[in-house]
Amino acid sequence: QDLGKILGHGKTYMSELMNGVSPFSMRDIIIIHKLFGIKLETLIPTTISEKDRVRIKTSLAELNIPKFRL
């Protein structure tokens, strides 16, 4: 409830956020980062699934853009 008040969200919406029903906004993530000193890399995963990696690599090859790499 306290975090909801700080972020400006109601109880129901905070419940959705905490249960993964709704995603945190970038604004929320930045506030959490600043408040708790949590690294943004921890709050925002930067990994790409293997399925997406294959799709992206295939697209880059089809578009003939060799300078981009994952």
PDB file of N, CA and C in Angstrom:
ATOM      1  N   GLN A   1       0.826  -1.193   0.000  1.00  0.00           N
ATOM      2  CA  GLN A   1       0.000   0.000   0.000  1.00  0.00           C
ATOM      3  C   GLN A   1       0.865   1.249   0.000  1.00  0.00           C
ATOM      4  N   ASP A   2       1.952   1.207   0.766  1.00  0.00           N
ATOM      5  CA  ASP A   2       2.824   2.380   0.835  1.00  0.00           C
ATOM      6  C   ASP A   2       3.453   2.682  -0.526  1.00  0.00           C
ATOM      7  N   LEU A   3       3.933   1.642  -1.198  1.00  0.00           N
ATOM      8  CA  LEU A   3       4.524   1.848  -2.514  1.00  0.00           C
ATOM      9  C   LEU A   3       3.472   2.360  -3.497  1.00  0.00           C
ATOM     10  N   GLY A   4       2.269   1.843  -3.401  1.00  0.00           N
ATOM     11  CA  GLY A   4       1.180   2.320  -4.250  1.00  0.00           C
ATOM     12  C   GLY A   4       0.926   3.802  -4.055  1.00  0.00           C
ATOM     13  N   LYS A   5       0.963   4.228  -2.816  1.00  0.00           N
ATOM     14  CA  LYS A   5       0.759   5.654  -2.519  1.00  0.00           C
ATOM     15  C   LYS A   5       1.887   6.489  -3.121  1.00  0.00           C
ATOM     16  N   ILE A   6       3.123   6.010  -2.976  1.00  0.00           N
ATOM     17  CA  ILE A   6       4.272   6.732  -3.521  1.00  0.00           C
ATOM     18  C   ILE A   6       4.192   6.814  -5.044  1.00  0.00           C
ATOM     19  N   LEU A   7       3.795   5.716  -5.669  1.00  0.00           N
ATOM     20  CA  LEU A   7       3.712   5.690  -7.134  1.00  0.00           C
ATOM     21  C   LEU A   7       2.447   6.357  -7.668  1.00  0.00           C
ATOM     22  N   GLY A   8       1.496   6.601  -6.787  1.00  0.00           N
ATOM     23  CA  GLY A   8       0.252   7.238  -7.208  1.00  0.00           C
ATOM     24  C   GLY A   8      -0.760   6.262  -7.778  1.00  0.00           C
ATOM     25  N   HIS A   9      -0.695   4.989  -7.334  1.00  0.00           N
ATOM     26  CA  HIS A   9      -1.613   3.969  -7.819  1.00  0.00           C
ATOM     27  C   HIS A   9      -2.546   3.512  -6.707  1.00  0.00           C
ATOM     28  N   GLY A  10      -3.748   3.157  -7.103  1.00  0.00           N
ATOM     29  CA  GLY A  10      -4.719   2.627  -6.162  1.00  0.00           C
ATOM     30  C   GLY A  10      -4.401   1.186  -5.769  1.00  0.00           C
ATOM     31  N   LYS A  11      -5.111   0.718  -4.766  1.00  0.00           N
ATOM     32  CA  LYS A  11      -4.878  -0.619  -4.215  1.00  0.00           C
ATOM     33  C   LYS A  11      -5.082  -1.719  -5.266  1.00  0.00           C
ATOM     34  N   THR A  12      -6.134  -1.611  -6.054  1.00  0.00           N
ATOM     35  CA  THR A  12      -6.435  -2.632  -7.060  1.00  0.00           C
ATOM     36  C   THR A  12      -5.346  -2.691  -8.124  1.00  0.00           C
ATOM     37  N   TYR A  13      -4.942  -1.529  -8.605  1.00  0.00           N
ATOM     38  CA  TYR A  13      -3.910  -1.493  -9.648  1.00  0.00           C
ATOM     39  C   TYR A  13      -2.576  -1.992  -9.109  1.00  0.00           C
ATOM     40  N   MET A  14      -2.252  -1.645  -7.868  1.00  0.00           N
ATOM     41  CA  MET A  14      -1.012  -2.140  -7.265  1.00  0.00           C
ATOM     42  C   MET A  14      -1.042  -3.658  -7.159  1.00  0.00           C
ATOM     43  N   SER A  15      -2.186  -4.210  -6.844  1.00  0.00           N
ATOM     44  CA  SER A  15      -2.332  -5.655  -6.772  1.00  0.00           C
ATOM     45  C   SER A  15      -2.051  -6.276  -8.140  1.00  0.00           C
ATOM     46  N   GLU A  16      -2.554  -5.645  -9.194  1.00  0.00           N
ATOM     47  CA  GLU A  16      -2.303  -6.127 -10.553  1.00  0.00           C
ATOM     48  C   GLU A  16      -0.815  -6.069 -10.888  1.00  0.00           C
ATOM     49  N   LEU A  17      -0.163  -4.990 -10.486  1.00  0.00           N
ATOM     50  CA  LEU A  17       1.272  -4.860 -10.728  1.00  0.00           C
ATOM     51  C   LEU A  17       2.052  -5.934  -9.980  1.00  0.00           C
ATOM     52  N   MET A  18       1.750  -6.098  -8.719  1.00  0.00           N
ATOM     53  CA  MET A  18       2.488  -7.040  -7.874  1.00  0.00           C
ATOM     54  C   MET A  18       2.255  -8.497  -8.286  1.00  0.00           C
ATOM     55  N   ASN A  19       1.114  -8.775  -8.895  1.00  0.00           N
ATOM     56  CA  ASN A  19       0.795 -10.137  -9.319  1.00  0.00           C
ATOM     57  C   ASN A  19       1.130 -10.393 -10.792  1.00  0.00           C
ATOM     58  N   GLY A  20       1.741  -9.413 -11.450  1.00  0.00           N
ATOM     59  CA  GLY A  20       2.161  -9.590 -12.829  1.00  0.00           C
ATOM     60  C   GLY A  20       1.056  -9.500 -13.849  1.00  0.00           C
ATOM     61  N   VAL A  21      -0.121  -9.035 -13.434  1.00  0.00           N
ATOM     62  CA  VAL A  21      -1.249  -8.886 -14.368  1.00  0.00           C
ATOM     63  C   VAL A  21      -0.997  -7.687 -15.285  1.00  0.00           C
ATOM     64  N   SER A  22      -0.493  -6.603 -14.720  1.00  0.00           N
ATOM     65  CA  SER A  22      -0.152  -5.397 -15.475  1.00  0.00           C
ATOM     66  C   SER A  22       1.337  -5.127 -15.292  1.00  0.00           C
ATOM     67  N   PRO A  23       1.996  -4.587 -16.317  1.00  0.00           N
ATOM     68  CA  PRO A  23       3.422  -4.273 -16.178  1.00  0.00           C
ATOM     69  C   PRO A  23       3.634  -2.918 -15.509  1.00  0.00           C
ATOM     70  N   PHE A  24       4.744  -2.787 -14.813  1.00  0.00           N
ATOM     71  CA  PHE A  24       5.116  -1.484 -14.262  1.00  0.00           C
ATOM     72  C   PHE A  24       5.465  -0.569 -15.426  1.00  0.00           C
ATOM     73  N   SER A  25       5.116   0.697 -15.305  1.00  0.00           N
ATOM     74  CA  SER A  25       5.477   1.665 -16.335  1.00  0.00           C
ATOM     75  C   SER A  25       6.944   2.043 -16.162  1.00  0.00           C
ATOM     76  N   MET A  26       7.513   2.656 -17.188  1.00  0.00           N
ATOM     77  CA  MET A  26       8.895   3.119 -17.091  1.00  0.00           C
ATOM     78  C   MET A  26       9.021   4.134 -15.956  1.00  0.00           C
ATOM     79  N   ARG A  27       8.026   4.962 -15.778  1.00  0.00           N
ATOM     80  CA  ARG A  27       8.004   5.946 -14.681  1.00  0.00           C
ATOM     81  C   ARG A  27       8.091   5.235 -13.334  1.00  0.00           C
ATOM     82  N   ASP A  28       7.277   4.182 -13.167  1.00  0.00           N
ATOM     83  CA  ASP A  28       7.297   3.405 -11.926  1.00  0.00           C
ATOM     84  C   ASP A  28       8.677   2.809 -11.681  1.00  0.00           C
ATOM     85  N   ILE A  29       9.262   2.244 -12.727  1.00  0.00           N
ATOM     86  CA  ILE A  29      10.571   1.605 -12.604  1.00  0.00           C
ATOM     87  C   ILE A  29      11.636   2.616 -12.203  1.00  0.00           C
ATOM     88  N   ILE A  30      11.585   3.785 -12.788  1.00  0.00           N
ATOM     89  CA  ILE A  30      12.567   4.818 -12.452  1.00  0.00           C
ATOM     90  C   ILE A  30      12.399   5.266 -11.002  1.00  0.00           C
ATOM     91  N   ILE A  31      11.172   5.431 -10.561  1.00  0.00           N
ATOM     92  CA  ILE A  31      10.931   5.825  -9.163  1.00  0.00           C
ATOM     93  C   ILE A  31      11.444   4.740  -8.215  1.00  0.00           C
ATOM     94  N   ILE A  32      11.150   3.486  -8.513  1.00  0.00           N
ATOM     95  CA  ILE A  32      11.622   2.378  -7.672  1.00  0.00           C
ATOM     96  C   ILE A  32      13.149   2.344  -7.660  1.00  0.00           C
ATOM     97  N   HIS A  33      13.750   2.541  -8.811  1.00  0.00           N
ATOM     98  CA  HIS A  33      15.213   2.593  -8.932  1.00  0.00           C
ATOM     99  C   HIS A  33      15.791   3.689  -8.027  1.00  0.00           C
ATOM    100  N   LYS A  34      15.225   4.867  -8.108  1.00  0.00           N
ATOM    101  CA  LYS A  34      15.724   5.996  -7.309  1.00  0.00           C
ATOM    102  C   LYS A  34      15.479   5.793  -5.816  1.00  0.00           C
ATOM    103  N   LEU A  35      14.293   5.318  -5.456  1.00  0.00           N
ATOM    104  CA  LEU A  35      13.938   5.140  -4.037  1.00  0.00           C
ATOM    105  C   LEU A  35      14.797   4.088  -3.340  1.00  0.00           C
ATOM    106  N   PHE A  36      14.949   2.943  -3.999  1.00  0.00           N
ATOM    107  CA  PHE A  36      15.583   1.802  -3.346  1.00  0.00           C
ATOM    108  C   PHE A  36      17.013   1.540  -3.802  1.00  0.00           C
ATOM    109  N   GLY A  37      17.478   2.322  -4.772  1.00  0.00           N
ATOM    110  CA  GLY A  37      18.841   2.140  -5.259  1.00  0.00           C
ATOM    111  C   GLY A  37      19.053   0.815  -5.976  1.00  0.00           C
ATOM    112  N   ILE A  38      17.988   0.276  -6.563  1.00  0.00           N
ATOM    113  CA  ILE A  38      18.092  -0.980  -7.313  1.00  0.00           C
ATOM    114  C   ILE A  38      18.581  -0.646  -8.721  1.00  0.00           C
ATOM    115  N   LYS A  39      19.583  -1.363  -9.183  1.00  0.00           N
ATOM    116  CA  LYS A  39      20.119  -1.114 -10.518  1.00  0.00           C
ATOM    117  C   LYS A  39      19.033  -1.312 -11.570  1.00  0.00           C
ATOM    118  N   LEU A  40      19.037  -0.435 -12.573  1.00  0.00           N
ATOM    119  CA  LEU A  40      18.053  -0.548 -13.651  1.00  0.00           C
ATOM    120  C   LEU A  40      18.188  -1.886 -14.375  1.00  0.00           C
ATOM    121  N   GLU A  41      19.402  -2.415 -14.464  1.00  0.00           N
ATOM    122  CA  GLU A  41      19.619  -3.701 -15.118  1.00  0.00           C
ATOM    123  C   GLU A  41      18.885  -4.827 -14.389  1.00  0.00           C
ATOM    124  N   THR A  42      18.672  -4.652 -13.086  1.00  0.00           N
ATOM    125  CA  THR A  42      17.936  -5.634 -12.305  1.00  0.00           C
ATOM    126  C   THR A  42      16.432  -5.487 -12.535  1.00  0.00           C
ATOM    127  N   LEU A  43      15.981  -4.249 -12.647  1.00  0.00           N
ATOM    128  CA  LEU A  43      14.557  -3.976 -12.815  1.00  0.00           C
ATOM    129  C   LEU A  43      14.081  -4.205 -14.246  1.00  0.00           C
ATOM    130  N   ILE A  44      14.989  -4.046 -15.203  1.00  0.00           N
ATOM    131  CA  ILE A  44      14.641  -4.193 -16.611  1.00  0.00           C
ATOM    132  C   ILE A  44      15.551  -5.267 -17.210  1.00  0.00           C
ATOM    133  N   PRO A  45      15.077  -6.494 -17.307  1.00  0.00           N
ATOM    134  CA  PRO A  45      15.903  -7.548 -17.891  1.00  0.00           C
ATOM    135  C   PRO A  45      16.287  -7.205 -19.324  1.00  0.00           C
ATOM    136  N   THR A  46      17.534  -7.464 -19.672  1.00  0.00           N
ATOM    137  CA  THR A  46      18.014  -7.129 -21.016  1.00  0.00           C
ATOM    138  C   THR A  46      18.333  -8.375 -21.842  1.00  0.00           C
ATOM    139  N   THR A  47      17.850  -9.516 -21.416  1.00  0.00           N
ATOM    140  CA  THR A  47      18.087 -10.734 -22.170  1.00  0.00           C
ATOM    141  C   THR A  47      16.998 -10.921 -23.221  1.00  0.00           C
ATOM    142  N   ILE A  48      17.357 -11.610 -24.271  1.00  0.00           N
ATOM    143  CA  ILE A  48      16.416 -11.900 -25.357  1.00  0.00           C
ATOM    144  C   ILE A  48      16.244 -13.410 -25.415  1.00  0.00           C
ATOM    145  N   SER A  49      15.013 -13.848 -25.538  1.00  0.00           N
ATOM    146  CA  SER A  49      14.750 -15.288 -25.604  1.00  0.00           C
ATOM    147  C   SER A  49      15.416 -15.878 -26.844  1.00  0.00           C
ATOM    148  N   GLU A  50      15.701 -17.176 -26.789  1.00  0.00           N
ATOM    149  CA  GLU A  50      16.329 -17.862 -27.915  1.00  0.00           C
ATOM    150  C   GLU A  50      15.451 -17.777 -29.163  1.00  0.00           C
ATOM    151  N   LYS A  51      14.147 -17.891 -28.979  1.00  0.00           N
ATOM    152  CA  LYS A  51      13.206 -17.793 -30.103  1.00  0.00           C
ATOM    153  C   LYS A  51      13.330 -16.429 -30.789  1.00  0.00           C
ATOM    154  N   ASP A  52      13.380 -15.346 -29.989  1.00  0.00           N
ATOM    155  CA  ASP A  52      13.526 -14.008 -30.558  1.00  0.00           C
ATOM    156  C   ASP A  52      14.895 -13.816 -31.194  1.00  0.00           C
ATOM    157  N   ARG A  53      15.943 -14.393 -30.585  1.00  0.00           N
ATOM    158  CA  ARG A  53      17.290 -14.297 -31.158  1.00  0.00           C
ATOM    159  C   ARG A  53      17.325 -14.886 -32.572  1.00  0.00           C
ATOM    160  N   VAL A  54      16.739 -16.061 -32.717  1.00  0.00           N
ATOM    161  CA  VAL A  54      16.715 -16.733 -34.019  1.00  0.00           C
ATOM    162  C   VAL A  54      15.949 -15.885 -35.021  1.00  0.00           C
ATOM    163  N   ARG A  55      14.788 -15.371 -34.618  1.00  0.00           N
ATOM    164  CA  ARG A  55      13.970 -14.549 -35.517  1.00  0.00           C
ATOM    165  C   ARG A  55      14.721 -13.294 -35.943  1.00  0.00           C
ATOM    166  N   ILE A  56      15.380 -12.625 -34.988  1.00  0.00           N
ATOM    167  CA  ILE A  56      16.110 -11.391 -35.295  1.00  0.00           C
ATOM    168  C   ILE A  56      17.283 -11.674 -36.221  1.00  0.00           C
ATOM    169  N   LYS A  57      18.047 -12.728 -35.916  1.00  0.00           N
ATOM    170  CA  LYS A  57      19.186 -13.075 -36.773  1.00  0.00           C
ATOM    171  C   LYS A  57      18.740 -13.415 -38.193  1.00  0.00           C
ATOM    172  N   THR A  58      17.635 -14.124 -38.296  1.00  0.00           N
ATOM    173  CA  THR A  58      17.090 -14.458 -39.612  1.00  0.00           C
ATOM    174  C   THR A  58      16.689 -13.191 -40.361  1.00  0.00           C
ATOM    175  N   SER A  59      16.034 -12.287 -39.680  1.00  0.00           N
ATOM    176  CA  SER A  59      15.610 -11.022 -40.301  1.00  0.00           C
ATOM    177  C   SER A  59      16.814 -10.203 -40.749  1.00  0.00           C
ATOM    178  N   LEU A  60      17.840 -10.127 -39.908  1.00  0.00           N
ATOM    179  CA  LEU A  60      19.045  -9.371 -40.278  1.00  0.00           C
ATOM    180  C   LEU A  60      19.715  -9.975 -41.507  1.00  0.00           C
ATOM    181  N   ALA A  61      19.756 -11.296 -41.568  1.00  0.00           N
ATOM    182  CA  ALA A  61      20.354 -11.960 -42.736  1.00  0.00           C
ATOM    183  C   ALA A  61      19.525 -11.677 -43.987  1.00  0.00           C
ATOM    184  N   GLU A  62      18.216 -11.750 -43.867  1.00  0.00           N
ATOM    185  CA  GLU A  62      17.334 -11.490 -45.015  1.00  0.00           C
ATOM    186  C   GLU A  62      17.450 -10.046 -45.485  1.00  0.00           C
ATOM    187  N   LEU A  63      17.646  -9.135 -44.539  1.00  0.00           N
ATOM    188  CA  LEU A  63      17.768  -7.710 -44.885  1.00  0.00           C
ATOM    189  C   LEU A  63      19.188  -7.326 -45.288  1.00  0.00           C
ATOM    190  N   ASN A  64      20.092  -8.294 -45.187  1.00  0.00           N
ATOM    191  CA  ASN A  64      21.499  -8.081 -45.517  1.00  0.00           C
ATOM    192  C   ASN A  64      22.090  -6.920 -44.711  1.00  0.00           C
ATOM    193  N   ILE A  65      21.931  -7.005 -43.405  1.00  0.00           N
ATOM    194  CA  ILE A  65      22.478  -5.977 -42.506  1.00  0.00           C
ATOM    195  C   ILE A  65      23.485  -6.669 -41.561  1.00  0.00           C
ATOM    196  N   PRO A  66      24.691  -6.944 -42.063  1.00  0.00           N
ATOM    197  CA  PRO A  66      25.663  -7.690 -41.259  1.00  0.00           C
ATOM    198  C   PRO A  66      26.253  -6.893 -40.094  1.00  0.00           C
ATOM    199  N   LYS A  67      26.161  -5.564 -40.117  1.00  0.00           N
ATOM    200  CA  LYS A  67      26.802  -4.775 -39.057  1.00  0.00           C
ATOM    201  C   LYS A  67      26.068  -4.873 -37.717  1.00  0.00           C
ATOM    202  N   PHE A  68      24.803  -5.276 -37.729  1.00  0.00           N
ATOM    203  CA  PHE A  68      24.058  -5.445 -36.473  1.00  0.00           C
ATOM    204  C   PHE A  68      24.262  -6.854 -35.951  1.00  0.00           C
ATOM    205  N   ARG A  69      24.546  -6.966 -34.653  1.00  0.00           N
ATOM    206  CA  ARG A  69      24.754  -8.267 -34.035  1.00  0.00           C
ATOM    207  C   ARG A  69      24.082  -8.298 -32.686  1.00  0.00           C
ATOM    208  N   LEU A  70      23.726  -9.498 -32.246  1.00  0.00           N
ATOM    209  CA  LEU A  70      23.164  -9.680 -30.914  1.00  0.00           C
ATOM    210  C   LEU A  70      24.233 -10.196 -29.983  1.00  0.00           C
TER     211      LEU A  70
END
